[in-house]
Amino acid sequence: MEILIVDDNKDICQLIESILLSEGYNVESCFNPLQFSEIIKQTQPKLIITDLLMSGYDGRTLTREIKENAETQHIKIIMMSAHPDAKKLSEKAGVDDFLTKPFEIDDLVTKVENLLK
């Protein structure tokens, strides 16, 4: 699998999944952020797209867990959020790129393409 979408909002996951599937990417969604680490072990994605704020979990924590683990630190991460300080918070967490919500489809696709080159 190339891309894993981790967001507690099922509609957002399905929207992004549909967009990226139509672009020819192999995509899977995780609606329960607490299950992401098990899915990563099974599927080994090249890219994770996640939300900054999720119920019961934080995208910054997810990013730190991935980037601090030698087995997963190579995985690229795009963080997304509508929070006004989200870009700064995401950069501090160590993400590879940031997407402001609501996002343009072209912006999403371009960021994915750039990180998967």
Protein backbone atom coordinates (compact mmCIF):
# COMPACT_ATOMS: atom_id res chain seq x y z
CA MET A 1 0.00 0.00 0.00
CA GLU A 2 1.21 3.49 -0.82
CA ILE A 3 -1.02 5.75 1.29
CA LEU A 4 -2.76 5.45 4.65
CA ILE A 5 -5.32 8.07 5.68
CA VAL A 6 -5.78 8.40 9.45
CA ASP A 7 -8.69 10.56 10.56
CA ASP A 8 -11.56 10.08 13.00
CA ASN A 9 -13.89 11.70 10.44
CA LYS A 10 -15.04 8.89 8.15
CA ASP A 11 -16.34 11.32 5.51
CA ILE A 12 -12.95 13.05 5.20
CA CYS A 13 -11.22 9.66 4.90
CA GLN A 14 -13.59 8.54 2.18
CA LEU A 15 -13.28 11.83 0.29
CA ILE A 16 -9.47 11.75 0.27
CA GLU A 17 -9.48 8.04 -0.52
CA SER A 18 -11.77 8.59 -3.53
CA ILE A 19 -9.62 11.44 -4.84
CA LEU A 20 -6.39 9.49 -4.56
CA LEU A 21 -7.88 6.25 -5.92
CA SER A 22 -9.01 8.19 -8.99
CA GLU A 23 -5.38 9.34 -9.38
CA GLY A 24 -4.24 5.71 -9.41
CA TYR A 25 -2.86 5.43 -5.87
CA ASN A 26 -3.25 2.40 -3.61
CA VAL A 27 -5.04 3.86 -0.56
CA GLU A 28 -6.47 2.62 2.73
CA SER A 29 -8.27 4.51 5.50
CA CYS A 30 -8.17 4.19 9.27
CA PHE A 31 -11.12 5.81 11.08
CA ASN A 32 -9.85 4.87 14.54
CA PRO A 33 -6.54 6.65 15.18
CA LEU A 34 -5.73 4.24 18.01
CA GLN A 35 -5.44 1.42 15.46
CA PHE A 36 -3.00 3.13 13.10
CA SER A 37 0.14 1.46 14.42
CA GLU A 38 -1.24 -2.04 13.80
CA ILE A 39 -2.25 -1.08 10.25
CA ILE A 40 1.21 0.39 9.60
CA LYS A 41 2.86 -2.87 10.68
CA GLN A 42 0.62 -4.84 8.30
CA THR A 43 0.64 -2.54 5.27
CA GLN A 44 3.86 -0.46 5.49
CA PRO A 45 2.62 2.67 3.68
CA LYS A 46 4.96 5.14 2.01
CA LEU A 47 2.78 8.12 3.02
CA ILE A 48 0.34 8.89 5.83
CA ILE A 49 -2.22 11.68 5.60
CA THR A 50 -3.60 12.57 9.03
CA ASP A 51 -5.54 15.22 10.89
CA LEU A 52 -3.97 17.33 13.61
CA LEU A 53 -6.85 17.01 16.07
CA MET A 54 -8.78 13.75 16.41
CA SER A 55 -10.95 12.47 19.22
CA GLY A 56 -8.88 10.52 21.67
CA TYR A 57 -5.69 11.08 19.68
CA ASP A 58 -3.49 13.82 18.31
CA GLY A 59 -1.80 13.89 14.91
CA ARG A 60 1.36 15.28 16.51
CA THR A 61 1.61 12.21 18.73
CA LEU A 62 1.10 9.96 15.72
CA THR A 63 3.85 11.84 13.85
CA ARG A 64 6.31 11.59 16.72
CA GLU A 65 5.66 7.86 17.13
CA ILE A 66 6.34 7.27 13.43
CA LYS A 67 9.37 9.56 13.11
CA GLU A 68 11.05 8.31 16.32
CA ASN A 69 10.80 4.64 15.32
CA ALA A 70 13.69 3.41 13.15
CA GLU A 71 11.34 0.99 11.34
CA THR A 72 8.85 3.69 10.33
CA GLN A 73 10.78 6.98 10.24
CA HIS A 74 11.05 6.79 6.43
CA ILE A 75 7.25 7.14 6.08
CA LYS A 76 6.26 10.58 4.79
CA ILE A 77 3.47 12.43 6.65
CA ILE A 78 1.04 15.10 5.50
CA MET A 79 -0.82 16.76 8.37
CA MET A 80 -4.08 18.59 7.71
CA SER A 81 -6.15 20.93 9.83
CA ALA A 82 -8.32 24.03 9.87
CA HIS A 83 -6.79 25.20 13.18
CA PRO A 84 -5.13 28.64 12.75
CA ASP A 85 -1.81 27.56 14.36
CA ALA A 86 -1.81 24.10 12.84
CA LYS A 87 0.96 24.62 10.32
CA LYS A 88 3.44 25.72 13.02
CA LEU A 89 2.34 22.91 15.35
CA SER A 90 2.68 20.37 12.56
CA GLU A 91 6.15 21.53 11.57
CA LYS A 92 7.30 21.27 15.20
CA ALA A 93 5.99 17.70 15.27
CA GLY A 94 8.13 16.82 12.24
CA VAL A 95 5.66 16.37 9.39
CA ASP A 96 6.85 16.40 5.79
CA ASP A 97 4.07 18.67 4.50
CA PHE A 98 0.90 20.44 5.61
CA LEU A 99 -2.55 20.81 4.05
CA THR A 100 -4.98 23.50 5.19
CA LYS A 101 -8.63 22.45 5.53
CA PRO A 102 -10.71 22.97 3.53
CA PHE A 103 -8.25 21.95 0.84
CA GLU A 104 -8.19 22.14 -2.93
CA ILE A 105 -8.06 18.76 -4.67
CA ASP A 106 -5.14 19.90 -6.83
CA ASP A 107 -3.16 20.89 -3.70
CA LEU A 108 -3.71 17.45 -2.18
CA VAL A 109 -2.68 15.62 -5.34
CA THR A 110 0.40 17.82 -5.86
CA LYS A 111 1.61 17.31 -2.29
CA VAL A 112 1.11 13.55 -2.56
CA GLU A 113 2.95 13.42 -5.90
CA ASN A 114 5.87 15.43 -4.53
CA LEU A 115 6.30 13.25 -1.45
CA LEU A 116 6.03 9.95 -3.33
CA LYS A 117 8.63 10.85 -6.02
